[in-house]
Amino acid sequence: MEIKQELLKFRYQIGGALLVCLSIISFLYLAPRFLNVLAYFWPLFLSTALFLLLVLFFAKTQTLPNSDASIPKPAEELLHYVAGHHHSDPPLDTHKSD
C-alpha cells in the first residue's frame, strides 16, 4: 500500500510525463520526414543561399567612399531639422517685457 500512496502523490507528474511522451511519439509518427520537407522547399533554400552569397560578395568588393565633410548630406540635414537642431541663429528678442 505504501507504493500505491507514493504513486498517488506523483499522479500529476506521471500523467504529464505520459502526455509528453505520447505527444512526442505522435509527432514523430505523423510529422513529414526531413527529406520530404527538403524536397518541397529546396528552391527556397537554394535561392536564399544564392542571395546571401551575393550580399556577401558585394559587401566584400564594395569600396567605401571617402568621408568628406564638405559633401552635403540632405538626409542628415533633414534629420537634424526634424530633431530641432537648426543651423540658423536663434531669433533676437527685441520685445522684452518686464
PDB file of N, CA and C in Angstrom:
ATOM      1  N   MET A   1       0.799  -1.199   0.000  1.00  0.00           N
ATOM      2  CA  MET A   1       0.000   0.000   0.000  1.00  0.00           C
ATOM      3  C   MET A   1       0.842   1.264   0.000  1.00  0.00           C
ATOM      4  N   GLU A   2       2.058   1.165   0.521  1.00  0.00           N
ATOM      5  CA  GLU A   2       2.909   2.348   0.552  1.00  0.00           C
ATOM      6  C   GLU A   2       3.274   2.805  -0.861  1.00  0.00           C
ATOM      7  N   ILE A   3       3.525   1.858  -1.718  1.00  0.00           N
ATOM      8  CA  ILE A   3       3.912   2.197  -3.093  1.00  0.00           C
ATOM      9  C   ILE A   3       2.746   2.884  -3.800  1.00  0.00           C
ATOM     10  N   LYS A   4       1.535   2.379  -3.565  1.00  0.00           N
ATOM     11  CA  LYS A   4       0.368   2.957  -4.212  1.00  0.00           C
ATOM     12  C   LYS A   4       0.148   4.400  -3.736  1.00  0.00           C
ATOM     13  N   GLN A   5       0.349   4.661  -2.474  1.00  0.00           N
ATOM     14  CA  GLN A   5       0.187   6.012  -1.948  1.00  0.00           C
ATOM     15  C   GLN A   5       1.281   6.945  -2.481  1.00  0.00           C
ATOM     16  N   GLU A   6       2.499   6.430  -2.621  1.00  0.00           N
ATOM     17  CA  GLU A   6       3.583   7.244  -3.193  1.00  0.00           C
ATOM     18  C   GLU A   6       3.287   7.586  -4.651  1.00  0.00           C
ATOM     19  N   LEU A   7       2.735   6.603  -5.377  1.00  0.00           N
ATOM     20  CA  LEU A   7       2.388   6.866  -6.777  1.00  0.00           C
ATOM     21  C   LEU A   7       1.250   7.878  -6.881  1.00  0.00           C
ATOM     22  N   LEU A   8       0.315   7.828  -5.957  1.00  0.00           N
ATOM     23  CA  LEU A   8      -0.786   8.784  -5.980  1.00  0.00           C
ATOM     24  C   LEU A   8      -0.293  10.200  -5.682  1.00  0.00           C
ATOM     25  N   LYS A   9       0.788  10.340  -4.926  1.00  0.00           N
ATOM     26  CA  LYS A   9       1.366  11.667  -4.671  1.00  0.00           C
ATOM     27  C   LYS A   9       1.865  12.303  -5.972  1.00  0.00           C
ATOM     28  N   PHE A  10       2.409  11.463  -6.825  1.00  0.00           N
ATOM     29  CA  PHE A  10       3.025  11.962  -8.067  1.00  0.00           C
ATOM     30  C   PHE A  10       2.152  11.685  -9.293  1.00  0.00           C
ATOM     31  N   ARG A  11       0.833  11.614  -9.106  1.00  0.00           N
ATOM     32  CA  ARG A  11      -0.034  11.266 -10.235  1.00  0.00           C
ATOM     33  C   ARG A  11      -0.023  12.341 -11.319  1.00  0.00           C
ATOM     34  N   TYR A  12       0.091  13.608 -10.949  1.00  0.00           N
ATOM     35  CA  TYR A  12       0.106  14.676 -11.961  1.00  0.00           C
ATOM     36  C   TYR A  12       1.424  14.682 -12.740  1.00  0.00           C
ATOM     37  N   GLN A  13       2.527  14.436 -12.061  1.00  0.00           N
ATOM     38  CA  GLN A  13       3.812  14.381 -12.752  1.00  0.00           C
ATOM     39  C   GLN A  13       3.875  13.173 -13.690  1.00  0.00           C
ATOM     40  N   ILE A  14       3.361  12.035 -13.231  1.00  0.00           N
ATOM     41  CA  ILE A  14       3.353  10.834 -14.078  1.00  0.00           C
ATOM     42  C   ILE A  14       2.434  11.051 -15.273  1.00  0.00           C
ATOM     43  N   GLY A  15       1.280  11.635 -15.051  1.00  0.00           N
ATOM     44  CA  GLY A  15       0.354  11.919 -16.156  1.00  0.00           C
ATOM     45  C   GLY A  15       0.953  12.908 -17.148  1.00  0.00           C
ATOM     46  N   GLY A  16       1.628  13.913 -16.625  1.00  0.00           N
ATOM     47  CA  GLY A  16       2.281  14.881 -17.518  1.00  0.00           C
ATOM     48  C   GLY A  16       3.388  14.235 -18.333  1.00  0.00           C
ATOM     49  N   ALA A  17       4.184  13.371 -17.698  1.00  0.00           N
ATOM     50  CA  ALA A  17       5.256  12.686 -18.414  1.00  0.00           C
ATOM     51  C   ALA A  17       4.687  11.771 -19.489  1.00  0.00           C
ATOM     52  N   LEU A  18       3.596  11.078 -19.183  1.00  0.00           N
ATOM     53  CA  LEU A  18       2.973  10.224 -20.194  1.00  0.00           C
ATOM     54  C   LEU A  18       2.402  11.050 -21.345  1.00  0.00           C
ATOM     55  N   LEU A  19       1.831  12.190 -21.014  1.00  0.00           N
ATOM     56  CA  LEU A  19       1.288  13.059 -22.056  1.00  0.00           C
ATOM     57  C   LEU A  19       2.393  13.591 -22.964  1.00  0.00           C
ATOM     58  N   VAL A  20       3.523  13.974 -22.379  1.00  0.00           N
ATOM     59  CA  VAL A  20       4.655  14.454 -23.179  1.00  0.00           C
ATOM     60  C   VAL A  20       5.193  13.335 -24.057  1.00  0.00           C
ATOM     61  N   CYS A  21       5.336  12.142 -23.501  1.00  0.00           N
ATOM     62  CA  CYS A  21       5.832  11.005 -24.296  1.00  0.00           C
ATOM     63  C   CYS A  21       4.892  10.678 -25.448  1.00  0.00           C
ATOM     64  N   LEU A  22       3.597  10.675 -25.183  1.00  0.00           N
ATOM     65  CA  LEU A  22       2.634  10.395 -26.253  1.00  0.00           C
ATOM     66  C   LEU A  22       2.645  11.475 -27.328  1.00  0.00           C
ATOM     67  N   SER A  23       2.790  12.705 -26.922  1.00  0.00           N
ATOM     68  CA  SER A  23       2.821  13.773 -27.928  1.00  0.00           C
ATOM     69  C   SER A  23       4.086  13.702 -28.775  1.00  0.00           C
ATOM     70  N   ILE A  24       5.218  13.370 -28.171  1.00  0.00           N
ATOM     71  CA  ILE A  24       6.460  13.233 -28.945  1.00  0.00           C
ATOM     72  C   ILE A  24       6.364  12.066 -29.910  1.00  0.00           C
ATOM     73  N   ILE A  25       5.843  10.947 -29.443  1.00  0.00           N
ATOM     74  CA  ILE A  25       5.709   9.774 -30.313  1.00  0.00           C
ATOM     75  C   ILE A  25       4.747  10.069 -31.456  1.00  0.00           C
ATOM     76  N   SER A  26       3.610  10.715 -31.163  1.00  0.00           N
ATOM     77  CA  SER A  26       2.661  11.026 -32.236  1.00  0.00           C
ATOM     78  C   SER A  26       3.240  12.055 -33.206  1.00  0.00           C
ATOM     79  N   PHE A  27       4.022  13.006 -32.694  1.00  0.00           N
ATOM     80  CA  PHE A  27       4.656  13.979 -33.581  1.00  0.00           C
ATOM     81  C   PHE A  27       5.637  13.292 -34.521  1.00  0.00           C
ATOM     82  N   LEU A  28       6.441  12.388 -33.988  1.00  0.00           N
ATOM     83  CA  LEU A  28       7.405  11.683 -34.834  1.00  0.00           C
ATOM     84  C   LEU A  28       6.706  10.772 -35.835  1.00  0.00           C
ATOM     85  N   TYR A  29       5.582  10.231 -35.465  1.00  0.00           N
ATOM     86  CA  TYR A  29       4.861   9.342 -36.361  1.00  0.00           C
ATOM     87  C   TYR A  29       4.106  10.115 -37.440  1.00  0.00           C
ATOM     88  N   LEU A  30       3.505  11.225 -37.071  1.00  0.00           N
ATOM     89  CA  LEU A  30       2.658  11.956 -38.012  1.00  0.00           C
ATOM     90  C   LEU A  30       3.388  13.026 -38.807  1.00  0.00           C
ATOM     91  N   ALA A  31       4.513  13.489 -38.316  1.00  0.00           N
ATOM     92  CA  ALA A  31       5.234  14.569 -38.997  1.00  0.00           C
ATOM     93  C   ALA A  31       5.865  14.060 -40.289  1.00  0.00           C
ATOM     94  N   PRO A  32       5.975  14.946 -41.274  1.00  0.00           N
ATOM     95  CA  PRO A  32       6.635  14.525 -42.517  1.00  0.00           C
ATOM     96  C   PRO A  32       8.128  14.301 -42.285  1.00  0.00           C
ATOM     97  N   ARG A  33       8.687  13.468 -43.093  1.00  0.00           N
ATOM     98  CA  ARG A  33      10.106  13.170 -42.969  1.00  0.00           C
ATOM     99  C   ARG A  33      10.935  14.360 -43.441  1.00  0.00           C
ATOM    100  N   PHE A  34      12.167  14.449 -42.958  1.00  0.00           N
ATOM    101  CA  PHE A  34      13.029  15.585 -43.280  1.00  0.00           C
ATOM    102  C   PHE A  34      13.304  15.666 -44.780  1.00  0.00           C
ATOM    103  N   LEU A  35      13.506  14.542 -45.422  1.00  0.00           N
ATOM    104  CA  LEU A  35      13.778  14.556 -46.865  1.00  0.00           C
ATOM    105  C   LEU A  35      12.568  15.045 -47.658  1.00  0.00           C
ATOM    106  N   ASN A  36      11.368  14.769 -47.174  1.00  0.00           N
ATOM    107  CA  ASN A  36      10.179  15.286 -47.853  1.00  0.00           C
ATOM    108  C   ASN A  36      10.105  16.806 -47.736  1.00  0.00           C
ATOM    109  N   VAL A  37      10.415  17.320 -46.577  1.00  0.00           N
ATOM    110  CA  VAL A  37      10.419  18.771 -46.380  1.00  0.00           C
ATOM    111  C   VAL A  37      11.505  19.408 -47.235  1.00  0.00           C
ATOM    112  N   LEU A  38      12.684  18.790 -47.265  1.00  0.00           N
ATOM    113  CA  LEU A  38      13.780  19.298 -48.075  1.00  0.00           C
ATOM    114  C   LEU A  38      13.435  19.263 -49.559  1.00  0.00           C
ATOM    115  N   ALA A  39      12.784  18.206 -50.000  1.00  0.00           N
ATOM    116  CA  ALA A  39      12.394  18.109 -51.401  1.00  0.00           C
ATOM    117  C   ALA A  39      11.370  19.172 -51.774  1.00  0.00           C
ATOM    118  N   TYR A  40      10.509  19.553 -50.832  1.00  0.00           N
ATOM    119  CA  TYR A  40       9.487  20.554 -51.121  1.00  0.00           C
ATOM    120  C   TYR A  40      10.065  21.968 -51.127  1.00  0.00           C
ATOM    121  N   PHE A  41      10.981  22.247 -50.204  1.00  0.00           N
ATOM    122  CA  PHE A  41      11.486  23.614 -50.044  1.00  0.00           C
ATOM    123  C   PHE A  41      12.856  23.860 -50.678  1.00  0.00           C
ATOM    124  N   TRP A  42      13.401  22.943 -51.462  1.00  0.00           N
ATOM    125  CA  TRP A  42      14.760  23.147 -51.971  1.00  0.00           C
ATOM    126  C   TRP A  42      14.889  24.395 -52.842  1.00  0.00           C
ATOM    127  N   PRO A  43      13.891  24.788 -53.651  1.00  0.00           N
ATOM    128  CA  PRO A  43      14.083  26.044 -54.404  1.00  0.00           C
ATOM    129  C   PRO A  43      14.220  27.263 -53.482  1.00  0.00           C
ATOM    130  N   LEU A  44      13.450  27.287 -52.410  1.00  0.00           N
ATOM    131  CA  LEU A  44      13.537  28.397 -51.473  1.00  0.00           C
ATOM    132  C   LEU A  44      14.895  28.413 -50.775  1.00  0.00           C
ATOM    133  N   PHE A  45      15.365  27.257 -50.328  1.00  0.00           N
ATOM    134  CA  PHE A  45      16.680  27.180 -49.686  1.00  0.00           C
ATOM    135  C   PHE A  45      17.789  27.604 -50.644  1.00  0.00           C
ATOM    136  N   LEU A  46      17.706  27.155 -51.895  1.00  0.00           N
ATOM    137  CA  LEU A  46      18.737  27.484 -52.880  1.00  0.00           C
ATOM    138  C   LEU A  46      18.745  28.979 -53.199  1.00  0.00           C
ATOM    139  N   SER A  47      17.578  29.568 -53.411  1.00  0.00           N
ATOM    140  CA  SER A  47      17.532  30.992 -53.744  1.00  0.00           C
ATOM    141  C   SER A  47      17.990  31.847 -52.561  1.00  0.00           C
ATOM    142  N   THR A  48      17.656  31.445 -51.352  1.00  0.00           N
ATOM    143  CA  THR A  48      18.105  32.187 -50.179  1.00  0.00           C
ATOM    144  C   THR A  48      19.617  32.104 -50.033  1.00  0.00           C
ATOM    145  N   ALA A  49      20.181  30.921 -50.256  1.00  0.00           N
ATOM    146  CA  ALA A  49      21.634  30.759 -50.163  1.00  0.00           C
ATOM    147  C   ALA A  49      22.345  31.596 -51.228  1.00  0.00           C
ATOM    148  N   LEU A  50      21.825  31.609 -52.442  1.00  0.00           N
ATOM    149  CA  LEU A  50      22.437  32.414 -53.502  1.00  0.00           C
ATOM    150  C   LEU A  50      22.340  33.911 -53.193  1.00  0.00           C
ATOM    151  N   PHE A  51      21.209  34.336 -52.671  1.00  0.00           N
ATOM    152  CA  PHE A  51      21.058  35.743 -52.310  1.00  0.00           C
ATOM    153  C   PHE A  51      22.058  36.134 -51.221  1.00  0.00           C
ATOM    154  N   LEU A  52      22.222  35.300 -50.211  1.00  0.00           N
ATOM    155  CA  LEU A  52      23.179  35.611 -49.145  1.00  0.00           C
ATOM    156  C   LEU A  52      24.610  35.619 -49.663  1.00  0.00           C
ATOM    157  N   LEU A  53      24.927  34.728 -50.587  1.00  0.00           N
ATOM    158  CA  LEU A  53      26.259  34.736 -51.183  1.00  0.00           C
ATOM    159  C   LEU A  53      26.504  36.015 -51.988  1.00  0.00           C
ATOM    160  N   LEU A  54      25.493  36.473 -52.714  1.00  0.00           N
ATOM    161  CA  LEU A  54      25.632  37.726 -53.454  1.00  0.00           C
ATOM    162  C   LEU A  54      25.797  38.917 -52.515  1.00  0.00           C
ATOM    163  N   VAL A  55      25.068  38.927 -51.437  1.00  0.00           N
ATOM    164  CA  VAL A  55      25.208  40.007 -50.465  1.00  0.00           C
ATOM    165  C   VAL A  55      26.615  40.018 -49.895  1.00  0.00           C
ATOM    166  N   LEU A  56      27.133  38.851 -49.530  1.00  0.00           N
ATOM    167  CA  LEU A  56      28.497  38.776 -49.007  1.00  0.00           C
ATOM    168  C   LEU A  56      29.522  39.192 -50.056  1.00  0.00           C
ATOM    169  N   PHE A  57      29.310  38.780 -51.297  1.00  0.00           N
ATOM    170  CA  PHE A  57      30.235  39.129 -52.374  1.00  0.00           C
ATOM    171  C   PHE A  57      30.276  40.636 -52.582  1.00  0.00           C
ATOM    172  N   PHE A  58      29.096  41.282 -52.676  1.00  0.00           N
ATOM    173  CA  PHE A  58      29.066  42.721 -52.885  1.00  0.00           C
ATOM    174  C   PHE A  58      29.567  43.489 -51.663  1.00  0.00           C
ATOM    175  N   ALA A  59      29.371  42.941 -50.485  1.00  0.00           N
ATOM    176  CA  ALA A  59      29.879  43.609 -49.282  1.00  0.00           C
ATOM    177  C   ALA A  59      31.399  43.573 -49.242  1.00  0.00           C
ATOM    178  N   LYS A  60      31.985  42.506 -49.732  1.00  0.00           N
ATOM    179  CA  LYS A  60      33.451  42.406 -49.737  1.00  0.00           C
ATOM    180  C   LYS A  60      34.080  43.230 -50.852  1.00  0.00           C
ATOM    181  N   THR A  61      33.417  43.337 -52.001  1.00  0.00           N
ATOM    182  CA  THR A  61      34.024  44.010 -53.148  1.00  0.00           C
ATOM    183  C   THR A  61      33.704  45.492 -53.211  1.00  0.00           C
ATOM    184  N   GLN A  62      32.764  45.982 -52.441  1.00  0.00           N
ATOM    185  CA  GLN A  62      32.388  47.391 -52.499  1.00  0.00           C
ATOM    186  C   GLN A  62      33.456  48.238 -51.816  1.00  0.00           C
ATOM    187  N   THR A  63      33.853  49.299 -52.513  1.00  0.00           N
ATOM    188  CA  THR A  63      34.824  50.216 -51.915  1.00  0.00           C
ATOM    189  C   THR A  63      34.066  51.278 -51.137  1.00  0.00           C
ATOM    190  N   LEU A  64      34.584  51.630 -50.009  1.00  0.00           N
ATOM    191  CA  LEU A  64      33.938  52.635 -49.180  1.00  0.00           C
ATOM    192  C   LEU A  64      34.277  54.029 -49.693  1.00  0.00           C
ATOM    193  N   PRO A  65      33.311  54.914 -49.796  1.00  0.00           N
ATOM    194  CA  PRO A  65      33.599  56.278 -50.252  1.00  0.00           C
ATOM    195  C   PRO A  65      34.364  57.033 -49.177  1.00  0.00           C
ATOM    196  N   ASN A  66      35.131  58.014 -49.627  1.00  0.00           N
ATOM    197  CA  ASN A  66      35.867  58.855 -48.674  1.00  0.00           C
ATOM    198  C   ASN A  66      34.870  59.680 -47.877  1.00  0.00           C
ATOM    199  N   SER A  67      35.082  59.751 -46.600  1.00  0.00           N
ATOM    200  CA  SER A  67      34.166  60.538 -45.773  1.00  0.00           C
ATOM    201  C   SER A  67      34.634  61.993 -45.794  1.00  0.00           C
ATOM    202  N   ASP A  68      34.050  62.760 -46.686  1.00  0.00           N
ATOM    203  CA  ASP A  68      34.400  64.156 -46.845  1.00  0.00           C
ATOM    204  C   ASP A  68      33.289  64.994 -46.222  1.00  0.00           C
ATOM    205  N   ALA A  69      33.629  65.845 -45.270  1.00  0.00           N
ATOM    206  CA  ALA A  69      32.624  66.621 -44.552  1.00  0.00           C
ATOM    207  C   ALA A  69      32.029  67.721 -45.419  1.00  0.00           C
ATOM    208  N   SER A  70      32.689  68.092 -46.522  1.00  0.00           N
ATOM    209  CA  SER A  70      32.181  69.181 -47.351  1.00  0.00           C
ATOM    210  C   SER A  70      31.040  68.731 -48.264  1.00  0.00           C
ATOM    211  N   ILE A  71      30.846  67.442 -48.399  1.00  0.00           N
ATOM    212  CA  ILE A  71      29.766  66.948 -49.241  1.00  0.00           C
ATOM    213  C   ILE A  71      28.449  67.093 -48.482  1.00  0.00           C
ATOM    214  N   PRO A  72      27.453  67.747 -49.066  1.00  0.00           N
ATOM    215  CA  PRO A  72      26.186  67.911 -48.353  1.00  0.00           C
ATOM    216  C   PRO A  72      25.449  66.573 -48.210  1.00  0.00           C
ATOM    217  N   LYS A  73      24.852  66.389 -47.074  1.00  0.00           N
ATOM    218  CA  LYS A  73      24.107  65.163 -46.817  1.00  0.00           C
ATOM    219  C   LYS A  73      22.668  65.547 -46.500  1.00  0.00           C
ATOM    220  N   PRO A  74      21.814  65.531 -47.499  1.00  0.00           N
ATOM    221  CA  PRO A  74      20.438  66.009 -47.299  1.00  0.00           C
ATOM    222  C   PRO A  74      19.672  65.220 -46.241  1.00  0.00           C
ATOM    223  N   ALA A  75      19.877  63.927 -46.178  1.00  0.00           N
ATOM    224  CA  ALA A  75      19.133  63.138 -45.208  1.00  0.00           C
ATOM    225  C   ALA A  75      19.519  63.508 -43.784  1.00  0.00           C
ATOM    226  N   GLU A  76      20.817  63.723 -43.549  1.00  0.00           N
ATOM    227  CA  GLU A  76      21.245  64.112 -42.206  1.00  0.00           C
ATOM    228  C   GLU A  76      20.755  65.508 -41.860  1.00  0.00           C
ATOM    229  N   GLU A  77      20.748  66.417 -42.847  1.00  0.00           N
ATOM    230  CA  GLU A  77      20.249  67.761 -42.598  1.00  0.00           C
ATOM    231  C   GLU A  77      18.763  67.725 -42.261  1.00  0.00           C
ATOM    232  N   LEU A  78      18.011  66.873 -42.959  1.00  0.00           N
ATOM    233  CA  LEU A  78      16.591  66.744 -42.682  1.00  0.00           C
ATOM    234  C   LEU A  78      16.363  66.171 -41.280  1.00  0.00           C
ATOM    235  N   LEU A  79      17.167  65.184 -40.902  1.00  0.00           N
ATOM    236  CA  LEU A  79      17.041  64.617 -39.560  1.00  0.00           C
ATOM    237  C   LEU A  79      17.363  65.651 -38.488  1.00  0.00           C
ATOM    238  N   HIS A  80      18.379  66.460 -38.707  1.00  0.00           N
ATOM    239  CA  HIS A  80      18.717  67.496 -37.746  1.00  0.00           C
ATOM    240  C   HIS A  80      17.602  68.547 -37.658  1.00  0.00           C
ATOM    241  N   TYR A  81      17.010  68.862 -38.812  1.00  0.00           N
ATOM    242  CA  TYR A  81      15.927  69.838 -38.814  1.00  0.00           C
ATOM    243  C   TYR A  81      14.723  69.312 -38.043  1.00  0.00           C
ATOM    244  N   VAL A  82      14.379  68.040 -38.288  1.00  0.00           N
ATOM    245  CA  VAL A  82      13.231  67.443 -37.603  1.00  0.00           C
ATOM    246  C   VAL A  82      13.498  67.325 -36.110  1.00  0.00           C
ATOM    247  N   ALA A  83      14.735  67.026 -35.741  1.00  0.00           N
ATOM    248  CA  ALA A  83      15.081  66.892 -34.327  1.00  0.00           C
ATOM    249  C   ALA A  83      15.144  68.236 -33.626  1.00  0.00           C
ATOM    250  N   GLY A  84      15.134  69.332 -34.364  1.00  0.00           N
ATOM    251  CA  GLY A  84      15.124  70.644 -33.761  1.00  0.00           C
ATOM    252  C   GLY A  84      16.483  71.296 -33.670  1.00  0.00           C
ATOM    253  N   HIS A  85      17.493  70.721 -34.303  1.00  0.00           N
ATOM    254  CA  HIS A  85      18.837  71.295 -34.295  1.00  0.00           C
ATOM    255  C   HIS A  85      19.024  72.121 -35.576  1.00  0.00           C
ATOM    256  N   HIS A  86      18.449  73.323 -35.568  1.00  0.00           N
ATOM    257  CA  HIS A  86      18.519  74.170 -36.757  1.00  0.00           C
ATOM    258  C   HIS A  86      19.885  74.837 -36.838  1.00  0.00           C
ATOM    259  N   HIS A  87      20.317  75.063 -38.064  1.00  0.00           N
ATOM    260  CA  HIS A  87      21.618  75.688 -38.284  1.00  0.00           C
ATOM    261  C   HIS A  87      21.553  77.215 -38.193  1.00  0.00           C
ATOM    262  N   SER A  88      20.359  77.777 -38.245  1.00  0.00           N
ATOM    263  CA  SER A  88      20.258  79.232 -38.219  1.00  0.00           C
ATOM    264  C   SER A  88      20.421  79.737 -36.789  1.00  0.00           C
ATOM    265  N   ASP A  89      20.750  81.030 -36.685  1.00  0.00           N
ATOM    266  CA  ASP A  89      20.917  81.637 -35.367  1.00  0.00           C
ATOM    267  C   ASP A  89      19.559  81.766 -34.689  1.00  0.00           C
ATOM    268  N   PRO A  90      19.547  81.767 -33.349  1.00  0.00           N
ATOM    269  CA  PRO A  90      18.258  81.924 -32.654  1.00  0.00           C
ATOM    270  C   PRO A  90      17.699  83.314 -32.893  1.00  0.00           C
ATOM    271  N   PRO A  91      16.383  83.456 -32.910  1.00  0.00           N
ATOM    272  CA  PRO A  91      15.792  84.783 -33.169  1.00  0.00           C
ATOM    273  C   PRO A  91      16.109  85.726 -32.015  1.00  0.00           C
ATOM    274  N   LEU A  92      16.300  86.999 -32.379  1.00  0.00           N
ATOM    275  CA  LEU A  92      16.607  88.013 -31.384  1.00  0.00           C
ATOM    276  C   LEU A  92      15.324  88.463 -30.695  1.00  0.00           C
ATOM    277  N   ASP A  93      15.389  88.571 -29.391  1.00  0.00           N
ATOM    278  CA  ASP A  93      14.236  89.051 -28.647  1.00  0.00           C
ATOM    279  C   ASP A  93      14.315  90.567 -28.561  1.00  0.00           C
ATOM    280  N   THR A  94      13.533  91.244 -29.381  1.00  0.00           N
ATOM    281  CA  THR A  94      13.527  92.711 -29.350  1.00  0.00           C
ATOM    282  C   THR A  94      12.401  93.229 -28.461  1.00  0.00           C
ATOM    283  N   HIS A  95      11.438  92.400 -28.185  1.00  0.00           N
ATOM    284  CA  HIS A  95      10.302  92.822 -27.356  1.00  0.00           C
ATOM    285  C   HIS A  95      10.383  92.125 -26.010  1.00  0.00           C
ATOM    286  N   LYS A  96      11.103  92.715 -25.102  1.00  0.00           N
ATOM    287  CA  LYS A  96      11.216  92.152 -23.768  1.00  0.00           C
ATOM    288  C   LYS A  96      10.204  92.850 -22.862  1.00  0.00           C
ATOM    289  N   SER A  97       9.449  92.057 -22.186  1.00  0.00           N
ATOM    290  CA  SER A  97       8.510  92.653 -21.224  1.00  0.00           C
ATOM    291  C   SER A  97       8.985  92.343 -19.819  1.00  0.00           C
ATOM    292  N   ASP A  98       8.742  93.276 -18.937  1.00  0.00           N
ATOM    293  CA  ASP A  98       9.183  93.107 -17.541  1.00  0.00           C
ATOM    294  C   ASP A  98       8.109  92.480 -16.704  1.00  0.00           C
TER     295      ASP A  98
END
